[in-house]
Amino acid sequence: MPKLACVAGEPSGDLIAAPIFHALKQMPSMAGLDAYGIGGPAMQAQGVRSLWPMETLSVRGYVEALRQLPAILRLRSELIQYLIHDQRPDIYLGVDAPDFNLGVELRLKEAGIPTIHFVSPSIWAWRGNRIQKIKRAVDRVLCLFPFEPEIYERAGVAASYVGHPMASEIPEIVDTQSAKAKINNGLEGLVIAVLPGSRHSEIELIGPIFFQTISVLAKRLVGQRLHFVIPIAAPHLKPAIELLKKNLFSSHPEIDLILLDGQADLVLAAADVVLIASGTATLQAALWKKPMVISYKVPWLTAQIMKRQGYLPYVGLPNILCGEFVVPELLQDEAKPESLANALIAWLDQPQAVQALKTRFEQLHLSLKRPTGLLAAQAIEQTMNKRSG
């Protein structure tokens, strides 16, 4: 019975890894696969046994990671010990979370366990020197974006382009009106999706600004049938977002603000424009062909470190993949409610610009659409066979 250990460090990793396990279960060579490690509900639904809580790893930025560092280091030590000495796998799959997974992969590879890293670290955006550690730590990198394998091949690292699983899950043609009809027994008028992130630290830093932006938009767009919809990324974020809603309603009870548990795809499909925190969700919004404004705030020290190590003028995935500012980014001190509201209203006032953006995003969608789960599963099988042979 083949054994596969896997670690996904956050909800986005859990979602993109799940199709790999679905594909593995269809392969004769993987009959009876025992998959275990750290994963969320999507991976667990495909039979992965999560032995530690994924939430321990779901942090972003230097300052936030420092607070969680003792717990993360303890978990990594326990995991390495377990995989080398107690339940040795035939292969290890690290899903994103490079600061955690590369350390694990390095130790396991030294112990003779094949390692694959799924989701290339953003070496093309910042911290490019990590490619040498990647070379020592992994047998193969599975890349989400078509330009990445060439970077690895130049450095002597085996890499495969497997596409982005979201591009296969999201339809190429979007029926916005049908999606609006499915929210709260139907929405008519303008729908503004607000996605403030999937971590507590994100909600704490950008959440109040996003809710102030909602207030500004409600005043500026008075007279329109206006709906603000927030898909809450995870249950543990609900109290913080409900508190922000309560504070907003204390001065603006007339605002139509709808909170949904998850359902980000439905909300993005229904949206006319999107206010969104930088991260994987921005690519999700692009695949739904939506005009958006990207924003983000991190602690000052984190921002300074990232600024010094960055190579690109943009942080949002739609801009990175298109190679230019196709959507606005208002980060750190520029993330002010009035500025965010102005940028969102600019999309509403420029239908031709919106149409041009949709065309650009349709092209991006096609470039990312591959049978990701199957391609990744085949790479895992080949790597196992190569090392065992």
Protein backbone atom coordinates (compact mmCIF):
# COMPACT_ATOMS: atom_id res chain seq x y z
CA MET A 1 0.00 0.00 0.00
CA PRO A 2 1.65 3.29 -1.09
CA LYS A 3 2.13 5.96 1.56
CA LEU A 4 2.09 9.67 0.80
CA ALA A 5 2.73 12.37 3.39
CA CYS A 6 1.45 15.82 2.62
CA VAL A 7 1.34 19.25 4.29
CA ALA A 8 -0.89 22.13 3.17
CA GLY A 9 -0.42 25.17 5.36
CA GLU A 10 -3.52 27.21 4.65
CA PRO A 11 -7.04 27.08 3.14
CA SER A 12 -5.90 27.95 -0.40
CA GLY A 13 -3.38 25.09 -0.34
CA ASP A 14 -6.02 22.71 0.94
CA LEU A 15 -8.30 23.57 -1.99
CA ILE A 16 -5.72 23.25 -4.75
CA ALA A 17 -4.28 20.00 -3.38
CA ALA A 18 -7.62 18.18 -3.10
CA PRO A 19 -7.90 17.42 -6.88
CA ILE A 20 -4.49 15.73 -6.75
CA PHE A 21 -5.75 13.18 -4.24
CA HIS A 22 -8.90 12.65 -6.27
CA ALA A 23 -6.71 11.85 -9.30
CA LEU A 24 -4.34 9.63 -7.31
CA LYS A 25 -7.24 7.47 -6.15
CA GLN A 26 -8.07 6.70 -9.81
CA MET A 27 -4.57 5.36 -10.58
CA PRO A 28 -4.05 1.56 -10.35
CA SER A 29 -0.55 2.01 -8.95
CA MET A 30 -2.00 4.06 -6.07
CA ALA A 31 -4.62 1.51 -5.01
CA GLY A 32 -5.12 1.65 -1.25
CA LEU A 33 -3.15 4.92 -0.96
CA ASP A 34 -2.55 6.00 2.63
CA ALA A 35 -2.30 9.81 2.63
CA TYR A 36 -1.59 11.64 5.88
CA GLY A 37 -0.06 14.80 7.30
CA ILE A 38 -1.68 18.24 7.56
CA GLY A 39 -4.65 19.37 5.50
CA GLY A 40 -8.03 21.03 5.61
CA PRO A 41 -11.58 19.88 4.85
CA ALA A 42 -11.12 19.60 1.07
CA MET A 43 -8.13 17.25 1.40
CA GLN A 44 -9.80 15.31 4.19
CA ALA A 45 -12.84 14.79 1.95
CA GLN A 46 -10.45 13.03 -0.46
CA GLY A 47 -9.22 10.69 2.27
CA VAL A 48 -6.21 12.57 3.66
CA ARG A 49 -5.73 12.05 7.40
CA SER A 50 -4.82 15.39 9.02
CA LEU A 51 -2.73 14.63 12.10
CA TRP A 52 -2.10 18.24 13.18
CA PRO A 53 -4.27 21.40 12.89
CA MET A 54 -3.67 23.38 9.71
CA GLU A 55 -4.46 26.64 11.53
CA THR A 56 -1.05 26.56 13.24
CA LEU A 57 0.60 27.28 9.88
CA SER A 58 -1.93 29.80 8.56
CA VAL A 59 0.06 32.97 9.20
CA ARG A 60 1.38 35.61 6.83
CA GLY A 61 4.31 37.99 7.11
CA TYR A 62 7.38 38.18 9.32
CA VAL A 63 5.81 39.83 12.37
CA GLU A 64 2.84 37.45 12.44
CA ALA A 65 5.10 34.41 11.94
CA LEU A 66 7.31 35.47 14.84
CA ARG A 67 4.34 35.32 17.22
CA GLN A 68 3.51 31.81 16.04
CA LEU A 69 7.12 30.67 15.62
CA PRO A 70 7.45 28.44 18.73
CA ALA A 71 4.33 26.46 17.81
CA ILE A 72 5.41 26.20 14.16
CA LEU A 73 8.91 24.99 15.03
CA ARG A 74 7.52 22.45 17.48
CA LEU A 75 5.08 21.14 14.88
CA ARG A 76 7.81 20.88 12.23
CA SER A 77 10.09 18.97 14.57
CA GLU A 78 7.31 16.54 15.51
CA LEU A 79 6.36 16.07 11.85
CA ILE A 80 9.92 15.33 10.70
CA GLN A 81 10.44 12.88 13.56
CA TYR A 82 7.16 11.16 12.76
CA LEU A 83 7.83 10.85 9.03
CA ILE A 84 11.40 9.65 9.29
CA HIS A 85 11.09 7.29 12.23
CA ASP A 86 7.42 6.37 12.81
CA GLN A 87 5.39 6.48 9.58
CA ARG A 88 7.92 6.76 6.76
CA PRO A 89 6.16 7.69 3.50
CA ASP A 90 7.08 6.64 -0.02
CA ILE A 91 6.95 10.31 -1.04
CA TYR A 92 6.31 13.71 0.53
CA LEU A 93 4.18 16.41 -1.09
CA GLY A 94 4.62 19.91 0.28
CA VAL A 95 1.80 22.24 -0.77
CA ASP A 96 2.84 25.89 -0.81
CA ALA A 97 3.88 27.19 2.70
CA PRO A 98 7.53 27.26 1.54
CA ASP A 99 9.01 28.60 4.77
CA PHE A 100 7.65 25.53 6.53
CA ASN A 101 7.68 22.91 3.81
CA LEU A 102 11.15 23.49 2.39
CA GLY A 103 12.68 22.80 5.81
CA VAL A 104 10.70 19.56 6.06
CA GLU A 105 11.53 18.56 2.49
CA LEU A 106 15.24 19.16 3.03
CA ARG A 107 15.35 16.84 6.04
CA LEU A 108 13.25 14.15 4.36
CA LYS A 109 15.24 14.22 1.14
CA GLU A 110 18.46 13.83 3.15
CA ALA A 111 16.80 10.80 4.77
CA GLY A 112 16.15 9.29 1.33
CA ILE A 113 12.46 10.15 1.00
CA PRO A 114 11.45 11.60 -2.42
CA THR A 115 10.00 15.10 -2.16
CA ILE A 116 7.77 17.18 -4.41
CA HIS A 117 6.82 20.80 -3.83
CA PHE A 118 3.49 21.92 -5.28
CA VAL A 119 3.20 25.68 -5.95
CA SER A 120 6.46 27.36 -6.76
CA PRO A 121 7.56 29.92 -4.20
CA SER A 122 7.44 33.38 -5.74
CA ILE A 123 11.15 33.45 -6.52
CA TRP A 124 10.38 35.61 -9.57
CA ALA A 125 8.85 38.26 -7.28
CA TRP A 126 11.13 38.25 -4.25
CA ARG A 127 13.70 36.14 -2.33
CA GLY A 128 15.07 34.62 -5.53
CA ASN A 129 18.03 33.15 -3.65
CA ARG A 130 15.66 30.48 -2.30
CA ILE A 131 16.08 28.55 -5.53
CA GLN A 132 19.31 27.04 -4.18
CA LYS A 133 17.53 25.73 -1.10
CA ILE A 134 14.74 24.41 -3.31
CA LYS A 135 17.34 22.57 -5.40
CA ARG A 136 18.68 20.84 -2.28
CA ALA A 137 15.25 20.11 -0.82
CA VAL A 138 13.06 18.79 -3.63
CA ASP A 139 13.10 16.26 -6.43
CA ARG A 140 10.55 18.19 -8.49
CA VAL A 141 8.56 21.43 -8.35
CA LEU A 142 5.00 21.49 -9.67
CA CYS A 143 4.31 24.96 -11.09
CA LEU A 144 0.97 26.74 -11.36
CA PHE A 145 2.11 29.30 -13.92
CA PRO A 146 3.53 28.67 -17.41
CA PHE A 147 6.60 30.90 -17.09
CA GLU A 148 7.96 29.17 -13.97
CA PRO A 149 9.50 25.85 -15.19
CA GLU A 150 12.10 27.64 -17.32
CA ILE A 151 13.39 29.47 -14.22
CA TYR A 152 13.90 26.16 -12.42
CA GLU A 153 15.37 24.34 -15.38
CA ARG A 154 18.05 27.03 -15.72
CA ALA A 155 19.01 26.30 -12.11
CA GLY A 156 19.03 22.53 -12.63
CA VAL A 157 15.78 21.84 -10.78
CA ALA A 158 13.21 19.46 -12.31
CA ALA A 159 9.91 21.29 -12.75
CA SER A 160 6.52 20.67 -14.40
CA TYR A 161 3.81 23.11 -15.39
CA VAL A 162 0.50 21.66 -14.20
CA GLY A 163 -1.75 24.70 -14.57
CA HIS A 164 -3.91 26.19 -11.85
CA PRO A 165 -6.78 24.00 -10.59
CA MET A 166 -9.08 27.00 -10.18
CA ALA A 167 -8.94 27.56 -13.95
CA SER A 168 -10.63 24.18 -14.47
CA GLU A 169 -13.20 24.71 -11.73
CA ILE A 170 -14.36 28.18 -12.75
CA PRO A 171 -16.43 28.41 -15.95
CA GLU A 172 -15.01 30.36 -18.86
CA ILE A 173 -18.37 32.10 -19.41
CA VAL A 174 -19.83 33.81 -16.33
CA ASP A 175 -23.58 34.22 -15.77
CA THR A 176 -23.64 37.15 -13.35
CA GLN A 177 -27.43 37.50 -13.25
CA SER A 178 -27.94 33.83 -12.44
CA ALA A 179 -25.45 34.12 -9.56
CA LYS A 180 -27.22 37.22 -8.22
CA ALA A 181 -30.49 35.26 -8.23
CA LYS A 182 -28.96 32.61 -5.94
CA ILE A 183 -27.95 34.99 -3.12
CA ASN A 184 -30.55 35.72 -0.41
CA ASN A 185 -33.48 34.79 -2.66
CA GLY A 186 -32.18 37.11 -5.35
CA LEU A 187 -30.34 40.41 -5.62
CA GLU A 188 -31.20 43.21 -8.03
CA GLY A 189 -28.99 46.17 -8.72
CA LEU A 190 -25.30 46.65 -8.04
CA VAL A 191 -23.38 43.93 -6.18
CA ILE A 192 -20.03 44.82 -4.61
CA ALA A 193 -18.07 41.83 -3.32
CA VAL A 194 -15.75 42.47 -0.39
CA LEU A 195 -13.06 39.88 0.41
CA PRO A 196 -10.91 41.00 3.36
CA GLY A 197 -8.72 37.88 3.54
CA SER A 198 -8.56 34.42 5.06
CA ARG A 199 -6.45 35.09 8.19
CA HIS A 200 -7.13 36.83 11.49
CA SER A 201 -4.18 39.15 10.93
CA GLU A 202 -5.64 40.25 7.60
CA ILE A 203 -9.07 40.92 9.06
CA GLU A 204 -7.50 42.93 11.90
CA LEU A 205 -5.41 45.12 9.60
CA ILE A 206 -7.46 45.59 6.42
CA GLY A 207 -10.96 44.69 7.69
CA PRO A 208 -11.74 48.07 9.34
CA ILE A 209 -10.57 49.93 6.23
CA PHE A 210 -12.73 47.76 3.97
CA PHE A 211 -15.78 48.40 6.16
CA GLN A 212 -15.08 52.15 6.14
CA THR A 213 -14.90 51.89 2.34
CA ILE A 214 -18.36 50.28 2.36
CA SER A 215 -19.62 53.32 4.28
CA VAL A 216 -18.03 55.72 1.77
CA LEU A 217 -19.48 53.82 -1.20
CA ALA A 218 -22.96 53.80 0.33
CA LYS A 219 -22.82 57.60 0.61
CA ARG A 220 -21.32 58.12 -2.85
CA LEU A 221 -23.70 55.73 -4.65
CA VAL A 222 -26.85 56.87 -2.91
CA GLY A 223 -29.98 56.22 -4.94
CA GLN A 224 -28.68 52.99 -6.43
CA ARG A 225 -29.85 49.53 -5.41
CA LEU A 226 -26.62 48.57 -3.70
CA HIS A 227 -25.66 45.25 -2.11
CA PHE A 228 -22.37 44.50 -0.34
CA VAL A 229 -21.61 40.79 0.00
CA ILE A 230 -18.78 39.27 2.06
CA PRO A 231 -17.98 35.55 1.79
CA ILE A 232 -16.40 34.65 5.14
CA ALA A 233 -13.37 32.52 4.24
CA ALA A 234 -13.35 30.35 7.39
CA PRO A 235 -15.60 29.84 10.43
CA HIS A 236 -13.01 31.15 12.89
CA LEU A 237 -13.09 34.55 11.14
CA LYS A 238 -16.83 35.00 11.58
CA PRO A 239 -16.83 36.71 15.02
CA ALA A 240 -14.34 39.38 13.91
CA ILE A 241 -16.28 40.15 10.72
CA GLU A 242 -19.63 40.18 12.53
CA LEU A 243 -18.16 42.69 15.01
CA LEU A 244 -17.09 44.93 12.12
CA LYS A 245 -20.59 44.64 10.68
CA LYS A 246 -22.15 45.56 14.04
CA ASN A 247 -19.94 48.64 14.28
CA LEU A 248 -20.88 49.66 10.73
CA PHE A 249 -24.60 49.19 11.39
CA SER A 250 -24.43 51.33 14.54
CA SER A 251 -24.00 54.39 12.30
CA HIS A 252 -25.28 53.07 8.94
CA PRO A 253 -28.18 50.66 9.58
CA GLU A 254 -29.54 51.28 6.08
CA ILE A 255 -26.63 49.54 4.31
CA ASP A 256 -27.47 46.18 2.75
CA LEU A 257 -24.53 44.04 3.87
CA ILE A 258 -24.79 40.27 3.44
CA LEU A 259 -22.41 37.84 5.15
CA LEU A 260 -22.15 34.34 3.71
CA ASP A 261 -20.29 31.34 5.08
CA GLY A 262 -17.75 30.65 2.35
CA GLN A 263 -19.30 30.64 -1.15
CA ALA A 264 -16.61 32.93 -2.52
CA ASP A 265 -17.17 31.61 -6.04
CA LEU A 266 -20.88 32.44 -5.93
CA VAL A 267 -20.17 35.92 -4.56
CA LEU A 268 -17.51 36.65 -7.18
CA ALA A 269 -19.77 35.35 -9.95
CA ALA A 270 -22.50 37.74 -8.81
CA ALA A 271 -20.26 40.77 -8.32
CA ASP A 272 -20.18 43.85 -10.53
CA VAL A 273 -16.95 44.99 -8.87
CA VAL A 274 -14.69 43.54 -6.16
CA LEU A 275 -12.72 44.99 -3.24
CA ILE A 276 -10.19 42.33 -2.32
CA ALA A 277 -7.16 41.65 -0.14
CA SER A 278 -4.02 40.60 -2.00
CA GLY A 279 -3.61 36.83 -2.19
CA THR A 280 -4.86 33.79 -4.07
CA ALA A 281 -8.40 35.18 -4.06
CA THR A 282 -7.31 37.89 -6.52
CA LEU A 283 -6.62 35.19 -9.12
CA GLN A 284 -10.00 33.67 -8.30
CA ALA A 285 -11.62 37.05 -9.01
CA ALA A 286 -9.67 37.35 -12.28
CA LEU A 287 -10.88 33.93 -13.42
CA TRP A 288 -14.43 35.12 -12.73
CA LYS A 289 -13.49 38.04 -15.09
CA LYS A 290 -14.24 40.73 -12.51
CA PRO A 291 -12.94 44.30 -12.24
CA MET A 292 -11.30 44.65 -8.85
CA VAL A 293 -9.31 46.85 -6.54
CA ILE A 294 -6.55 45.05 -4.65
CA SER A 295 -5.49 46.27 -1.24
CA TYR A 296 -3.39 45.10 1.64
CA LYS A 297 -1.88 46.13 4.95
CA VAL A 298 0.84 44.37 6.92
CA PRO A 299 2.78 45.60 9.96
CA TRP A 300 5.37 48.27 9.14
CA LEU A 301 8.39 46.01 9.68
CA THR A 302 6.96 43.28 7.44
CA ALA A 303 6.30 45.85 4.73
CA GLN A 304 9.86 47.22 4.88
CA ILE A 305 11.42 43.76 4.60
CA MET A 306 9.19 42.76 1.69
CA LYS A 307 9.81 46.07 -0.08
CA ARG A 308 13.58 45.64 0.06
CA GLN A 309 13.43 42.07 -1.23
CA GLY A 310 10.82 42.59 -3.95
CA TYR A 311 11.61 42.52 -7.68
CA LEU A 312 8.25 43.49 -9.21
CA PRO A 313 6.26 46.73 -9.05
CA TYR A 314 3.04 44.83 -8.28
CA VAL A 315 1.87 42.26 -5.71
CA GLY A 316 -1.52 41.15 -7.06
CA LEU A 317 -1.53 37.92 -9.07
CA PRO A 318 -3.65 39.36 -11.92
CA ASN A 319 -1.05 42.09 -12.45
CA ILE A 320 1.89 39.71 -12.08
CA LEU A 321 0.47 37.25 -14.61
CA CYS A 322 -0.50 39.97 -17.08
CA GLY A 323 2.85 41.73 -16.64
CA GLU A 324 1.33 45.14 -15.99
CA PHE A 325 -1.13 47.01 -13.77
CA VAL A 326 -4.40 45.78 -15.25
CA VAL A 327 -6.14 46.43 -11.91
CA PRO A 328 -5.25 49.03 -9.26
CA GLU A 329 -3.33 48.16 -6.11
CA LEU A 330 -3.68 50.39 -3.06
CA LEU A 331 -1.36 49.06 -0.38
CA GLN A 332 -0.21 50.10 3.08
CA ASP A 333 -0.56 53.89 3.50
CA GLU A 334 -2.42 54.15 0.18
CA ALA A 335 -5.15 51.86 1.52
CA LYS A 336 -7.54 54.63 2.55
CA PRO A 337 -11.33 54.32 2.37
CA GLU A 338 -11.79 57.33 0.07
CA SER A 339 -9.06 56.12 -2.30
CA LEU A 340 -10.44 52.59 -2.42
CA ALA A 341 -13.96 53.92 -3.05
CA ASN A 342 -12.69 56.17 -5.86
CA ALA A 343 -10.94 53.24 -7.55
CA LEU A 344 -14.04 51.04 -7.33
CA ILE A 345 -16.33 53.75 -8.67
CA ALA A 346 -13.89 54.33 -11.55
CA TRP A 347 -14.61 50.77 -12.74
CA LEU A 348 -18.36 51.39 -12.52
CA ASP A 349 -17.97 54.55 -14.60
CA GLN A 350 -15.89 52.89 -17.35
CA PRO A 351 -17.77 49.98 -18.98
CA GLN A 352 -15.35 49.90 -21.92
CA ALA A 353 -12.40 49.46 -19.56
CA VAL A 354 -14.29 46.66 -17.80
CA GLN A 355 -14.91 44.89 -21.10
CA ALA A 356 -11.24 45.18 -22.08
CA LEU A 357 -10.26 43.73 -18.69
CA LYS A 358 -12.66 40.82 -19.13
CA THR A 359 -11.09 40.01 -22.51
CA ARG A 360 -7.65 40.04 -20.89
CA PHE A 361 -8.83 37.75 -18.10
CA GLU A 362 -10.40 35.34 -20.62
CA GLN A 363 -6.99 34.95 -22.23
CA LEU A 364 -5.39 34.42 -18.82
CA HIS A 365 -8.00 31.77 -18.00
CA LEU A 366 -7.20 29.76 -21.11
CA SER A 367 -3.46 29.86 -20.40
CA LEU A 368 -3.95 28.44 -16.89
CA LYS A 369 -6.52 25.75 -17.69
CA ARG A 370 -4.94 22.29 -17.52
CA PRO A 371 -5.94 18.95 -15.91
CA THR A 372 -3.95 19.99 -12.84
CA GLY A 373 -4.90 17.15 -10.51
CA LEU A 374 -4.05 14.49 -13.10
CA LEU A 375 -0.76 16.11 -14.18
CA ALA A 376 0.34 16.50 -10.56
CA ALA A 377 -0.67 12.91 -9.73
CA GLN A 378 1.33 11.62 -12.72
CA ALA A 379 4.39 13.61 -11.58
CA ILE A 380 4.06 12.09 -8.09
CA GLU A 381 3.82 8.59 -9.54
CA GLN A 382 6.83 9.14 -11.83
CA THR A 383 8.93 10.57 -9.00
CA MET A 384 8.10 7.64 -6.74
CA ASN A 385 9.00 5.15 -9.48
CA LYS A 386 12.21 6.96 -10.35
CA ARG A 387 13.47 7.01 -6.78
CA SER A 388 12.34 3.45 -5.99
CA GLY A 389 13.86 2.18 -9.24
